[in-house]
Amino acid sequence: MRVSPVVPGGLEGHPGLNSVPSQAAPGVRTRSQHQRRKRIVQAAAALASRGGVEAMQMRTVAERAGVALGTLYRYFPSKMDLVVAVVGEEIDLLESSIERRPPNAATPAGRAVDVLMRATRGLMREPELADALIRSLIITEVDTPFGDRMAGLLLRAAVPGLTAATATEEQFALTGSLSSVWVYELLEMLRGRRTYEQTQRRIEIAADRLLAEF
């Protein structure tokens, strides 16, 4: 789950266009803030990929991102808020991948499995980061949209056109349960208790049962 900011040129400061700077400035500031937040999240992810959550010390993240410590705390009041942001970035990347290359399995369960195993491969490229994020999700007291976002993503993959807004409560609950199974199996894989093949097989079994009526 990267576009550089485009700063308008030529018009700002032009003597005949005195109103333009005041109108453009908020947008420029917004882009600047967005890019600064991106740098912080990327710095945190890079540190976690080498040493887990323990390596994500706020001062170290600020130094790596090139921002003042006070600025970092304005964006992320705590380390767990930062962890949640890194998780969100990973989901953004997964959603982009699904949009570019939608799963083409013949069944809803098969398409959901495709999404989850694609996510698994992506996370396992950085096992330290994956371990840090999964463990943090389990213990965090910070409100995170991870479960709902994954459930919504699985809904859209399983049945094209279906969304969290149009799905039944049961459908949303079932994809949420499948997401929970995936998190557990991924954690077992990170602990060395599952091979990739075993993880995939268990997720396939769960998907076939949970999404049988889709």
N, C-alpha and C. Protein backbone atom coordinates (compact mmCIF):
# COMPACT_ATOMS: atom_id res chain seq x y z
N MET A 1 1.53 -1.51 0.00
CA MET A 1 0.00 0.00 0.00
C MET A 1 1.42 1.41 0.00
N ARG A 2 3.46 6.17 -5.29
CA ARG A 2 3.77 7.29 -4.40
C ARG A 2 3.98 8.52 -5.27
N VAL A 3 3.10 9.49 -5.08
CA VAL A 3 3.13 10.63 -5.96
C VAL A 3 3.74 11.82 -5.26
N SER A 4 4.71 12.46 -5.89
CA SER A 4 5.34 13.64 -5.31
C SER A 4 4.41 14.83 -5.45
N PRO A 5 4.46 15.75 -4.53
CA PRO A 5 3.58 16.91 -4.61
C PRO A 5 3.94 17.78 -5.79
N VAL A 6 2.92 18.32 -6.46
CA VAL A 6 3.13 19.22 -7.59
C VAL A 6 2.84 20.63 -7.12
N VAL A 7 3.84 21.47 -7.10
CA VAL A 7 3.68 22.83 -6.61
C VAL A 7 3.42 23.74 -7.79
N PRO A 8 2.31 24.49 -7.83
CA PRO A 8 2.02 25.37 -8.94
C PRO A 8 3.14 26.37 -9.15
N GLY A 9 3.46 26.61 -10.39
CA GLY A 9 4.51 27.58 -10.69
C GLY A 9 3.99 28.64 -11.63
N GLY A 10 4.66 29.81 -11.64
CA GLY A 10 4.31 30.84 -12.60
C GLY A 10 3.24 31.77 -12.10
N LEU A 11 2.20 31.27 -11.47
CA LEU A 11 1.10 32.12 -11.05
C LEU A 11 1.32 32.72 -9.68
N GLU A 12 1.91 31.93 -8.76
CA GLU A 12 2.09 32.43 -7.41
C GLU A 12 3.02 33.64 -7.40
N GLY A 13 2.55 34.70 -6.75
CA GLY A 13 3.38 35.89 -6.63
C GLY A 13 3.29 36.83 -7.81
N HIS A 14 2.51 36.47 -8.83
CA HIS A 14 2.38 37.33 -9.99
C HIS A 14 1.66 38.60 -9.58
N PRO A 15 2.20 39.78 -9.92
CA PRO A 15 1.62 41.02 -9.44
C PRO A 15 0.19 41.24 -9.87
N GLY A 16 -0.21 40.64 -10.99
CA GLY A 16 -1.58 40.86 -11.46
C GLY A 16 -2.55 39.84 -10.92
N LEU A 17 -2.06 38.90 -10.08
CA LEU A 17 -2.93 37.84 -9.57
C LEU A 17 -2.77 37.74 -8.06
N ASN A 18 -3.03 38.84 -7.37
CA ASN A 18 -2.78 38.88 -5.93
C ASN A 18 -3.66 37.91 -5.15
N SER A 19 -4.78 37.53 -5.72
CA SER A 19 -5.67 36.64 -4.97
C SER A 19 -5.24 35.19 -5.09
N VAL A 20 -4.41 34.82 -6.04
CA VAL A 20 -4.06 33.42 -6.26
C VAL A 20 -3.30 32.80 -5.11
N PRO A 21 -2.26 33.46 -4.55
CA PRO A 21 -1.52 32.82 -3.46
C PRO A 21 -2.40 32.42 -2.29
N SER A 22 -3.32 33.30 -1.89
CA SER A 22 -4.14 32.98 -0.73
C SER A 22 -5.07 31.82 -1.03
N GLN A 23 -5.48 31.66 -2.31
CA GLN A 23 -6.36 30.56 -2.65
C GLN A 23 -5.57 29.26 -2.79
N ALA A 24 -4.35 29.34 -3.30
CA ALA A 24 -3.57 28.13 -3.57
C ALA A 24 -2.91 27.59 -2.31
N ALA A 25 -2.60 28.52 -1.37
CA ALA A 25 -1.81 28.10 -0.21
C ALA A 25 -2.41 26.94 0.57
N PRO A 26 -3.73 26.95 0.85
CA PRO A 26 -4.27 25.82 1.62
C PRO A 26 -4.03 24.48 0.93
N GLY A 27 -4.20 24.43 -0.40
CA GLY A 27 -3.97 23.19 -1.12
C GLY A 27 -2.53 22.76 -1.05
N VAL A 28 -1.62 23.74 -1.17
CA VAL A 28 -0.20 23.43 -1.08
C VAL A 28 0.13 22.88 0.29
N ARG A 29 -0.43 23.52 1.33
CA ARG A 29 -0.17 23.06 2.69
C ARG A 29 -0.71 21.64 2.88
N THR A 30 -1.89 21.37 2.32
CA THR A 30 -2.47 20.05 2.46
C THR A 30 -1.59 19.00 1.80
N ARG A 31 -1.09 19.29 0.62
CA ARG A 31 -0.21 18.34 -0.05
C ARG A 31 1.07 18.15 0.74
N SER A 32 1.58 19.24 1.28
CA SER A 32 2.80 19.15 2.07
C SER A 32 2.58 18.30 3.32
N GLN A 33 1.45 18.48 3.97
CA GLN A 33 1.13 17.69 5.16
C GLN A 33 0.97 16.22 4.80
N HIS A 34 0.34 15.96 3.67
CA HIS A 34 0.15 14.59 3.23
C HIS A 34 1.50 13.91 2.98
N GLN A 35 2.40 14.63 2.30
CA GLN A 35 3.71 14.06 2.02
C GLN A 35 4.52 13.85 3.30
N ARG A 36 4.38 14.78 4.24
CA ARG A 36 5.09 14.64 5.51
C ARG A 36 4.57 13.40 6.26
N ARG A 37 3.27 13.23 6.27
CA ARG A 37 2.70 12.05 6.93
C ARG A 37 3.19 10.77 6.25
N LYS A 38 3.25 10.79 4.92
CA LYS A 38 3.74 9.63 4.17
C LYS A 38 5.16 9.29 4.57
N ARG A 39 6.01 10.32 4.69
CA ARG A 39 7.41 10.09 5.06
C ARG A 39 7.50 9.45 6.45
N ILE A 40 6.67 9.93 7.36
CA ILE A 40 6.69 9.39 8.72
C ILE A 40 6.29 7.92 8.72
N VAL A 41 5.21 7.60 8.01
CA VAL A 41 4.73 6.21 7.97
C VAL A 41 5.76 5.31 7.30
N GLN A 42 6.37 5.78 6.23
CA GLN A 42 7.39 4.98 5.55
C GLN A 42 8.61 4.77 6.43
N ALA A 43 8.99 5.80 7.17
CA ALA A 43 10.13 5.67 8.09
C ALA A 43 9.82 4.65 9.18
N ALA A 44 8.61 4.69 9.71
CA ALA A 44 8.22 3.74 10.75
C ALA A 44 8.22 2.31 10.22
N ALA A 45 7.69 2.13 9.00
CA ALA A 45 7.66 0.80 8.40
C ALA A 45 9.06 0.28 8.16
N ALA A 46 9.96 1.14 7.71
CA ALA A 46 11.35 0.72 7.45
C ALA A 46 12.02 0.28 8.74
N LEU A 47 11.79 1.00 9.82
CA LEU A 47 12.38 0.62 11.11
C LEU A 47 11.79 -0.69 11.63
N ALA A 48 10.47 -0.84 11.50
CA ALA A 48 9.82 -2.06 11.97
C ALA A 48 10.26 -3.27 11.17
N SER A 49 10.57 -3.07 9.89
CA SER A 49 10.98 -4.20 9.05
C SER A 49 12.34 -4.74 9.47
N ARG A 50 13.09 -3.96 10.23
CA ARG A 50 14.41 -4.40 10.68
C ARG A 50 14.43 -4.85 12.14
N GLY A 51 13.55 -4.26 12.94
CA GLY A 51 13.61 -4.59 14.36
C GLY A 51 12.29 -4.69 15.07
N GLY A 52 11.20 -4.81 14.31
CA GLY A 52 9.88 -4.93 14.93
C GLY A 52 9.41 -3.63 15.54
N VAL A 53 8.33 -3.71 16.30
CA VAL A 53 7.74 -2.51 16.91
C VAL A 53 8.72 -1.84 17.86
N GLU A 54 9.57 -2.64 18.50
CA GLU A 54 10.54 -2.08 19.45
C GLU A 54 11.46 -1.06 18.77
N ALA A 55 11.71 -1.26 17.48
CA ALA A 55 12.60 -0.35 16.74
C ALA A 55 11.89 0.95 16.36
N MET A 56 10.59 0.99 16.51
CA MET A 56 9.82 2.18 16.12
C MET A 56 9.78 3.19 17.27
N GLN A 57 10.93 3.57 17.77
CA GLN A 57 10.97 4.61 18.79
C GLN A 57 10.62 5.96 18.15
N MET A 58 9.77 6.71 18.82
CA MET A 58 9.24 7.93 18.21
C MET A 58 10.35 8.88 17.79
N ARG A 59 11.36 9.05 18.63
CA ARG A 59 12.45 9.96 18.28
C ARG A 59 13.22 9.46 17.04
N THR A 60 13.41 8.13 16.97
CA THR A 60 14.12 7.55 15.84
C THR A 60 13.31 7.71 14.56
N VAL A 61 12.00 7.51 14.67
CA VAL A 61 11.13 7.69 13.50
C VAL A 61 11.19 9.13 13.02
N ALA A 62 11.13 10.07 13.95
CA ALA A 62 11.18 11.49 13.59
C ALA A 62 12.48 11.82 12.88
N GLU A 63 13.59 11.31 13.40
CA GLU A 63 14.89 11.59 12.78
C GLU A 63 14.96 11.00 11.38
N ARG A 64 14.48 9.78 11.22
CA ARG A 64 14.54 9.13 9.91
C ARG A 64 13.64 9.83 8.90
N ALA A 65 12.49 10.34 9.38
CA ALA A 65 11.55 11.02 8.48
C ALA A 65 11.93 12.47 8.23
N GLY A 66 12.88 12.99 9.01
CA GLY A 66 13.31 14.37 8.83
C GLY A 66 12.32 15.38 9.34
N VAL A 67 11.64 15.04 10.45
CA VAL A 67 10.68 15.97 11.04
C VAL A 67 11.01 16.14 12.53
N ALA A 68 10.53 17.23 13.09
CA ALA A 68 10.72 17.46 14.52
C ALA A 68 9.87 16.47 15.32
N LEU A 69 10.32 16.14 16.52
CA LEU A 69 9.59 15.19 17.35
C LEU A 69 8.18 15.71 17.65
N GLY A 70 8.07 17.01 17.91
CA GLY A 70 6.75 17.59 18.18
C GLY A 70 5.82 17.45 16.99
N THR A 71 6.38 17.58 15.78
CA THR A 71 5.58 17.41 14.56
C THR A 71 5.07 15.99 14.47
N LEU A 72 5.93 15.02 14.76
CA LEU A 72 5.53 13.62 14.73
C LEU A 72 4.35 13.38 15.67
N TYR A 73 4.44 13.92 16.88
CA TYR A 73 3.37 13.70 17.85
C TYR A 73 2.07 14.39 17.44
N ARG A 74 2.15 15.45 16.66
CA ARG A 74 0.92 16.08 16.16
C ARG A 74 0.20 15.15 15.19
N TYR A 75 0.96 14.42 14.39
CA TYR A 75 0.37 13.48 13.45
C TYR A 75 -0.05 12.18 14.14
N PHE A 76 0.80 11.70 15.04
CA PHE A 76 0.57 10.40 15.69
C PHE A 76 0.84 10.55 17.19
N PRO A 77 -0.20 10.67 18.00
CA PRO A 77 -0.04 10.91 19.44
C PRO A 77 0.68 9.78 20.19
N SER A 78 0.69 8.57 19.62
CA SER A 78 1.35 7.45 20.30
C SER A 78 1.95 6.51 19.27
N LYS A 79 2.80 5.61 19.77
CA LYS A 79 3.41 4.63 18.87
C LYS A 79 2.33 3.73 18.24
N MET A 80 1.30 3.37 19.00
CA MET A 80 0.28 2.50 18.45
C MET A 80 -0.53 3.19 17.36
N ASP A 81 -0.71 4.50 17.48
CA ASP A 81 -1.35 5.23 16.38
C ASP A 81 -0.51 5.11 15.11
N LEU A 82 0.79 5.14 15.30
CA LEU A 82 1.71 5.02 14.17
C LEU A 82 1.66 3.61 13.58
N VAL A 83 1.59 2.60 14.44
CA VAL A 83 1.47 1.22 13.96
C VAL A 83 0.20 1.06 13.13
N VAL A 84 -0.90 1.60 13.62
CA VAL A 84 -2.17 1.52 12.90
C VAL A 84 -2.04 2.18 11.53
N ALA A 85 -1.31 3.29 11.45
CA ALA A 85 -1.12 3.98 10.18
C ALA A 85 -0.31 3.11 9.21
N VAL A 86 0.70 2.42 9.73
CA VAL A 86 1.50 1.54 8.88
C VAL A 86 0.63 0.39 8.36
N VAL A 87 -0.22 -0.15 9.22
CA VAL A 87 -1.15 -1.19 8.78
C VAL A 87 -2.05 -0.66 7.67
N GLY A 88 -2.56 0.55 7.86
CA GLY A 88 -3.41 1.16 6.84
C GLY A 88 -2.70 1.31 5.51
N GLU A 89 -1.42 1.67 5.57
CA GLU A 89 -0.62 1.81 4.35
C GLU A 89 -0.50 0.47 3.64
N GLU A 90 -0.31 -0.61 4.39
CA GLU A 90 -0.21 -1.94 3.78
C GLU A 90 -1.53 -2.34 3.12
N ILE A 91 -2.65 -1.99 3.76
CA ILE A 91 -3.95 -2.31 3.16
C ILE A 91 -4.16 -1.48 1.90
N ASP A 92 -3.72 -0.23 1.91
CA ASP A 92 -3.82 0.61 0.71
C ASP A 92 -3.08 -0.04 -0.46
N LEU A 93 -1.89 -0.56 -0.19
CA LEU A 93 -1.10 -1.21 -1.23
C LEU A 93 -1.82 -2.46 -1.75
N LEU A 94 -2.41 -3.22 -0.83
CA LEU A 94 -3.14 -4.41 -1.24
C LEU A 94 -4.34 -4.05 -2.09
N GLU A 95 -5.09 -3.02 -1.70
CA GLU A 95 -6.26 -2.60 -2.47
C GLU A 95 -5.85 -2.14 -3.87
N SER A 96 -4.73 -1.43 -3.96
CA SER A 96 -4.24 -1.00 -5.27
C SER A 96 -3.90 -2.20 -6.14
N SER A 97 -3.29 -3.21 -5.53
CA SER A 97 -2.93 -4.42 -6.25
C SER A 97 -4.18 -5.14 -6.77
N ILE A 98 -5.22 -5.19 -5.94
CA ILE A 98 -6.46 -5.86 -6.33
C ILE A 98 -7.15 -5.10 -7.46
N GLU A 99 -7.11 -3.78 -7.40
CA GLU A 99 -7.73 -2.97 -8.45
C GLU A 99 -7.00 -3.15 -9.78
N ARG A 100 -5.68 -3.24 -9.72
CA ARG A 100 -4.90 -3.42 -10.96
C ARG A 100 -5.09 -4.83 -11.54
N ARG A 101 -5.18 -5.80 -10.66
CA ARG A 101 -5.26 -7.20 -11.11
C ARG A 101 -6.29 -7.94 -10.25
N PRO A 102 -7.58 -7.80 -10.59
CA PRO A 102 -8.62 -8.45 -9.80
C PRO A 102 -8.48 -9.97 -9.83
N PRO A 103 -8.84 -10.64 -8.74
CA PRO A 103 -8.78 -12.11 -8.73
C PRO A 103 -9.75 -12.69 -9.75
N ASN A 104 -9.36 -13.77 -10.41
CA ASN A 104 -10.20 -14.33 -11.46
C ASN A 104 -10.61 -15.78 -11.21
N ALA A 105 -10.55 -16.20 -9.95
CA ALA A 105 -10.99 -17.56 -9.62
C ALA A 105 -12.48 -17.71 -9.92
N ALA A 106 -12.92 -18.94 -10.07
CA ALA A 106 -14.29 -19.20 -10.51
C ALA A 106 -15.33 -19.03 -9.42
N THR A 107 -14.92 -19.09 -8.14
CA THR A 107 -15.88 -19.04 -7.04
C THR A 107 -15.58 -17.86 -6.11
N PRO A 108 -16.57 -17.42 -5.34
CA PRO A 108 -16.32 -16.36 -4.35
C PRO A 108 -15.22 -16.75 -3.37
N ALA A 109 -15.25 -18.00 -2.90
CA ALA A 109 -14.23 -18.46 -1.96
C ALA A 109 -12.84 -18.41 -2.60
N GLY A 110 -12.75 -18.84 -3.84
CA GLY A 110 -11.46 -18.84 -4.53
C GLY A 110 -10.92 -17.44 -4.71
N ARG A 111 -11.81 -16.49 -5.00
CA ARG A 111 -11.36 -15.10 -5.17
C ARG A 111 -10.90 -14.50 -3.84
N ALA A 112 -11.60 -14.84 -2.77
CA ALA A 112 -11.19 -14.36 -1.44
C ALA A 112 -9.84 -14.94 -1.06
N VAL A 113 -9.64 -16.21 -1.33
CA VAL A 113 -8.35 -16.84 -1.03
C VAL A 113 -7.23 -16.17 -1.83
N ASP A 114 -7.50 -15.86 -3.08
CA ASP A 114 -6.50 -15.17 -3.91
C ASP A 114 -6.05 -13.88 -3.25
N VAL A 115 -7.01 -13.10 -2.74
CA VAL A 115 -6.68 -11.84 -2.08
C VAL A 115 -5.83 -12.08 -0.83
N LEU A 116 -6.24 -13.04 -0.01
CA LEU A 116 -5.53 -13.27 1.25
C LEU A 116 -4.13 -13.83 1.02
N MET A 117 -3.95 -14.68 0.04
CA MET A 117 -2.62 -15.22 -0.21
C MET A 117 -1.73 -14.18 -0.89
N ARG A 118 -2.34 -13.29 -1.65
CA ARG A 118 -1.56 -12.19 -2.21
C ARG A 118 -1.07 -11.28 -1.08
N ALA A 119 -1.94 -11.04 -0.11
CA ALA A 119 -1.55 -10.25 1.05
C ALA A 119 -0.45 -10.96 1.84
N THR A 120 -0.57 -12.27 1.96
CA THR A 120 0.44 -13.06 2.69
C THR A 120 1.80 -12.93 2.03
N ARG A 121 1.85 -13.09 0.71
CA ARG A 121 3.13 -12.99 0.00
C ARG A 121 3.74 -11.61 0.17
N GLY A 122 2.88 -10.58 0.11
CA GLY A 122 3.39 -9.22 0.27
C GLY A 122 3.98 -8.99 1.65
N LEU A 123 3.29 -9.44 2.67
CA LEU A 123 3.77 -9.25 4.05
C LEU A 123 5.02 -10.08 4.34
N MET A 124 5.08 -11.28 3.79
CA MET A 124 6.20 -12.16 4.09
C MET A 124 7.50 -11.72 3.42
N ARG A 125 7.42 -10.75 2.53
CA ARG A 125 8.66 -10.18 1.99
C ARG A 125 9.40 -9.42 3.08
N GLU A 126 8.65 -8.96 4.08
CA GLU A 126 9.23 -8.25 5.23
C GLU A 126 8.71 -8.91 6.50
N PRO A 127 9.21 -10.11 6.84
CA PRO A 127 8.64 -10.85 7.97
C PRO A 127 8.71 -10.12 9.30
N GLU A 128 9.77 -9.33 9.54
CA GLU A 128 9.85 -8.57 10.79
C GLU A 128 8.72 -7.56 10.87
N LEU A 129 8.46 -6.88 9.76
CA LEU A 129 7.37 -5.91 9.72
C LEU A 129 6.03 -6.61 9.88
N ALA A 130 5.84 -7.72 9.17
CA ALA A 130 4.58 -8.46 9.26
C ALA A 130 4.33 -8.91 10.70
N ASP A 131 5.35 -9.45 11.34
CA ASP A 131 5.22 -9.92 12.72
C ASP A 131 4.86 -8.77 13.64
N ALA A 132 5.54 -7.64 13.45
CA ALA A 132 5.27 -6.47 14.29
C ALA A 132 3.83 -5.98 14.12
N LEU A 133 3.37 -5.94 12.89
CA LEU A 133 2.04 -5.42 12.62
C LEU A 133 0.96 -6.36 13.13
N ILE A 134 1.11 -7.65 12.87
CA ILE A 134 0.10 -8.61 13.30
C ILE A 134 0.01 -8.67 14.82
N ARG A 135 1.17 -8.72 15.49
CA ARG A 135 1.15 -8.77 16.95
C ARG A 135 0.54 -7.48 17.53
N SER A 136 0.87 -6.36 16.93
CA SER A 136 0.35 -5.09 17.42
C SER A 136 -1.15 -5.01 17.25
N LEU A 137 -1.66 -5.54 16.14
CA LEU A 137 -3.11 -5.54 15.92
C LEU A 137 -3.84 -6.33 17.00
N ILE A 138 -3.19 -7.40 17.46
CA ILE A 138 -3.83 -8.26 18.45
C ILE A 138 -3.89 -7.58 19.81
N ILE A 139 -2.84 -6.83 20.16
CA ILE A 139 -2.77 -6.27 21.52
C ILE A 139 -3.15 -4.80 21.59
N THR A 140 -3.27 -4.13 20.45
CA THR A 140 -3.48 -2.69 20.49
C THR A 140 -4.82 -2.31 21.12
N GLU A 141 -4.79 -1.20 21.83
CA GLU A 141 -6.02 -0.64 22.39
C GLU A 141 -6.50 0.55 21.55
N VAL A 142 -5.76 0.83 20.49
CA VAL A 142 -6.14 1.91 19.59
C VAL A 142 -7.19 1.39 18.61
N ASP A 143 -8.23 2.17 18.39
CA ASP A 143 -9.27 1.79 17.45
C ASP A 143 -8.67 1.72 16.05
N THR A 144 -8.82 0.59 15.39
CA THR A 144 -8.26 0.42 14.06
C THR A 144 -9.31 -0.13 13.11
N PRO A 145 -9.34 0.36 11.87
CA PRO A 145 -10.32 -0.12 10.90
C PRO A 145 -9.86 -1.36 10.15
N PHE A 146 -8.78 -1.99 10.63
CA PHE A 146 -8.19 -3.10 9.88
C PHE A 146 -9.21 -4.19 9.56
N GLY A 147 -9.93 -4.67 10.59
CA GLY A 147 -10.87 -5.77 10.38
C GLY A 147 -11.96 -5.42 9.38
N ASP A 148 -12.55 -4.24 9.54
CA ASP A 148 -13.61 -3.82 8.63
C ASP A 148 -13.09 -3.61 7.21
N ARG A 149 -11.89 -3.05 7.09
CA ARG A 149 -11.34 -2.82 5.75
C ARG A 149 -11.05 -4.14 5.04
N MET A 150 -10.49 -5.11 5.78
CA MET A 150 -10.21 -6.41 5.17
C MET A 150 -11.51 -7.13 4.81
N ALA A 151 -12.51 -7.04 5.69
CA ALA A 151 -13.80 -7.66 5.39
C ALA A 151 -14.42 -7.04 4.15
N GLY A 152 -14.35 -5.72 4.05
CA GLY A 152 -14.89 -5.04 2.87
C GLY A 152 -14.15 -5.41 1.60
N LEU A 153 -12.84 -5.54 1.70
CA LEU A 153 -12.03 -5.92 0.55
C LEU A 153 -12.38 -7.34 0.10
N LEU A 154 -12.56 -8.24 1.05
CA LEU A 154 -12.93 -9.62 0.70
C LEU A 154 -14.33 -9.68 0.10
N LEU A 155 -15.24 -8.85 0.58
CA LEU A 155 -16.58 -8.79 0.00
C LEU A 155 -16.51 -8.41 -1.48
N ARG A 156 -15.76 -7.33 -1.76
CA ARG A 156 -15.68 -6.86 -3.14
C ARG A 156 -15.00 -7.87 -4.04
N ALA A 157 -14.02 -8.60 -3.50
CA ALA A 157 -13.33 -9.60 -4.30
C ALA A 157 -14.22 -10.83 -4.53
N ALA A 158 -14.92 -11.25 -3.48
CA ALA A 158 -15.74 -12.46 -3.58
C ALA A 158 -16.91 -12.27 -4.55
N VAL A 159 -17.56 -11.12 -4.45
CA VAL A 159 -18.71 -10.85 -5.31
C VAL A 159 -18.54 -9.44 -5.90
N PRO A 160 -18.04 -9.32 -7.12
CA PRO A 160 -17.84 -8.00 -7.72
C PRO A 160 -19.10 -7.15 -7.62
N GLY A 161 -18.93 -5.94 -7.14
CA GLY A 161 -20.06 -5.03 -6.98
C GLY A 161 -20.63 -5.02 -5.58
N LEU A 162 -20.32 -6.05 -4.79
CA LEU A 162 -20.81 -6.10 -3.41
C LEU A 162 -19.89 -5.25 -2.53
N THR A 163 -20.48 -4.47 -1.64
CA THR A 163 -19.71 -3.63 -0.73
C THR A 163 -20.24 -3.79 0.68
N ALA A 164 -19.53 -3.20 1.63
CA ALA A 164 -19.98 -3.25 3.02
C ALA A 164 -21.35 -2.61 3.16
N ALA A 165 -21.66 -1.63 2.31
CA ALA A 165 -22.94 -0.93 2.40
C ALA A 165 -24.09 -1.77 1.84
N THR A 166 -23.80 -2.63 0.87
CA THR A 166 -24.86 -3.41 0.22
C THR A 166 -24.94 -4.85 0.72
N ALA A 167 -23.91 -5.31 1.41
CA ALA A 167 -23.88 -6.69 1.90
C ALA A 167 -24.83 -6.84 3.09
N THR A 168 -25.27 -8.06 3.32
CA THR A 168 -26.07 -8.34 4.51
C THR A 168 -25.15 -8.39 5.73
N GLU A 169 -25.75 -8.29 6.90
CA GLU A 169 -24.96 -8.38 8.13
C GLU A 169 -24.23 -9.72 8.20
N GLU A 170 -24.89 -10.78 7.74
CA GLU A 170 -24.27 -12.11 7.78
C GLU A 170 -23.08 -12.18 6.82
N GLN A 171 -23.21 -11.63 5.62
CA GLN A 171 -22.11 -11.65 4.67
C GLN A 171 -20.90 -10.90 5.22
N PHE A 172 -21.15 -9.75 5.81
CA PHE A 172 -20.05 -8.96 6.35
C PHE A 172 -19.39 -9.70 7.51
N ALA A 173 -20.20 -10.35 8.34
CA ALA A 173 -19.66 -11.10 9.48
C ALA A 173 -18.82 -12.29 8.99
N LEU A 174 -19.26 -12.94 7.94
CA LEU A 174 -18.55 -14.12 7.43
C LEU A 174 -17.19 -13.73 6.82
N THR A 175 -17.15 -12.64 6.08
CA THR A 175 -15.86 -12.23 5.52
C THR A 175 -14.95 -11.71 6.64
N GLY A 176 -15.54 -11.11 7.66
CA GLY A 176 -14.75 -10.70 8.82
C GLY A 176 -14.15 -11.90 9.53
N SER A 177 -14.93 -12.97 9.64
CA SER A 177 -14.42 -14.19 10.27
C SER A 177 -13.29 -14.80 9.45
N LEU A 178 -13.42 -14.77 8.13
CA LEU A 178 -12.36 -15.29 7.27
C LEU A 178 -11.09 -14.46 7.44
N SER A 179 -11.24 -13.15 7.55
CA SER A 179 -10.09 -12.28 7.79
C SER A 179 -9.41 -12.64 9.10
N SER A 180 -10.19 -12.94 10.14
CA SER A 180 -9.63 -13.31 11.44
C SER A 180 -8.86 -14.63 11.35
N VAL A 181 -9.40 -15.57 10.59
CA VAL A 181 -8.69 -16.85 10.39
C VAL A 181 -7.35 -16.59 9.73
N TRP A 182 -7.35 -15.72 8.73
CA TRP A 182 -6.11 -15.40 8.02
C TRP A 182 -5.06 -14.79 8.96
N VAL A 183 -5.48 -13.86 9.82
CA VAL A 183 -4.55 -13.23 10.76
C VAL A 183 -3.93 -14.29 11.66
N TYR A 184 -4.75 -15.20 12.16
CA TYR A 184 -4.23 -16.25 13.04
C TYR A 184 -3.26 -17.16 12.29
N GLU A 185 -3.62 -17.58 11.09
CA GLU A 185 -2.76 -18.47 10.32
C GLU A 185 -1.46 -17.78 9.92
N LEU A 186 -1.54 -16.50 9.63
CA LEU A 186 -0.33 -15.75 9.29
C LEU A 186 0.60 -15.67 10.50
N LEU A 187 0.03 -15.47 11.67
CA LEU A 187 0.84 -15.43 12.89
C LEU A 187 1.51 -16.78 13.14
N GLU A 188 0.78 -17.86 12.93
CA GLU A 188 1.36 -19.20 13.07
C GLU A 188 2.49 -19.42 12.06
N MET A 189 2.31 -18.90 10.88
CA MET A 189 3.35 -19.02 9.85
C MET A 189 4.59 -18.24 10.26
N LEU A 190 4.40 -17.07 10.81
CA LEU A 190 5.52 -16.25 11.27
C LEU A 190 6.26 -16.91 12.43
N ARG A 191 5.53 -17.69 13.23
CA ARG A 191 6.14 -18.41 14.35
C ARG A 191 6.85 -19.68 13.90
N GLY A 192 6.73 -20.01 12.62
CA GLY A 192 7.37 -21.21 12.11
C GLY A 192 6.55 -22.47 12.28
N ARG A 193 5.28 -22.32 12.62
CA ARG A 193 4.42 -23.49 12.86
C ARG A 193 3.62 -23.90 11.63
N ARG A 194 3.67 -23.10 10.58
CA ARG A 194 2.96 -23.40 9.35
C ARG A 194 3.90 -23.13 8.17
N THR A 195 3.80 -23.94 7.14
CA THR A 195 4.45 -23.60 5.88
C THR A 195 3.47 -22.75 5.08
N TYR A 196 3.96 -22.16 4.01
CA TYR A 196 3.08 -21.37 3.14
C TYR A 196 1.97 -22.25 2.61
N GLU A 197 2.30 -23.47 2.20
CA GLU A 197 1.32 -24.39 1.63
C GLU A 197 0.25 -24.77 2.66
N GLN A 198 0.68 -25.04 3.89
CA GLN A 198 -0.29 -25.36 4.95
C GLN A 198 -1.21 -24.19 5.24
N THR A 199 -0.63 -23.00 5.27
CA THR A 199 -1.43 -21.79 5.50
C THR A 199 -2.48 -21.62 4.41
N GLN A 200 -2.06 -21.78 3.17
CA GLN A 200 -3.00 -21.63 2.06
C GLN A 200 -4.11 -22.67 2.15
N ARG A 201 -3.76 -23.91 2.46
CA ARG A 201 -4.77 -24.97 2.52
C ARG A 201 -5.79 -24.68 3.62
N ARG A 202 -5.33 -24.23 4.77
CA ARG A 202 -6.25 -23.94 5.87
C ARG A 202 -7.18 -22.77 5.52
N ILE A 203 -6.64 -21.78 4.85
CA ILE A 203 -7.47 -20.63 4.44
C ILE A 203 -8.47 -21.06 3.38
N GLU A 204 -8.07 -21.94 2.48
CA GLU A 204 -8.99 -22.46 1.47
C GLU A 204 -10.15 -23.20 2.12
N ILE A 205 -9.85 -24.02 3.11
CA ILE A 205 -10.90 -24.77 3.82
C ILE A 205 -11.87 -23.81 4.51
N ALA A 206 -11.31 -22.82 5.21
CA ALA A 206 -12.15 -21.84 5.91
C ALA A 206 -13.01 -21.05 4.92
N ALA A 207 -12.42 -20.64 3.81
CA ALA A 207 -13.17 -19.85 2.81
C ALA A 207 -14.29 -20.68 2.20
N ASP A 208 -14.02 -21.95 1.90
CA ASP A 208 -15.05 -22.81 1.31
C ASP A 208 -16.24 -22.95 2.25
N ARG A 209 -15.98 -23.04 3.54
CA ARG A 209 -17.06 -23.21 4.51
C ARG A 209 -17.80 -21.88 4.75
N LEU A 210 -17.02 -20.83 4.97
CA LEU A 210 -17.62 -19.55 5.36
C LEU A 210 -18.34 -18.85 4.21
N LEU A 211 -17.85 -19.03 3.01
CA LEU A 211 -18.43 -18.31 1.85
C LEU A 211 -19.24 -19.23 0.97
N ALA A 212 -19.64 -20.38 1.48
CA ALA A 212 -20.37 -21.36 0.66
C ALA A 212 -21.68 -20.83 0.11
N GLU A 213 -22.34 -19.93 0.85
CA GLU A 213 -23.65 -19.43 0.43
C GLU A 213 -23.58 -18.10 -0.33
N PHE A 214 -22.40 -17.62 -0.65
CA PHE A 214 -22.27 -16.33 -1.36
C PHE A 214 -22.71 -16.49 -2.82
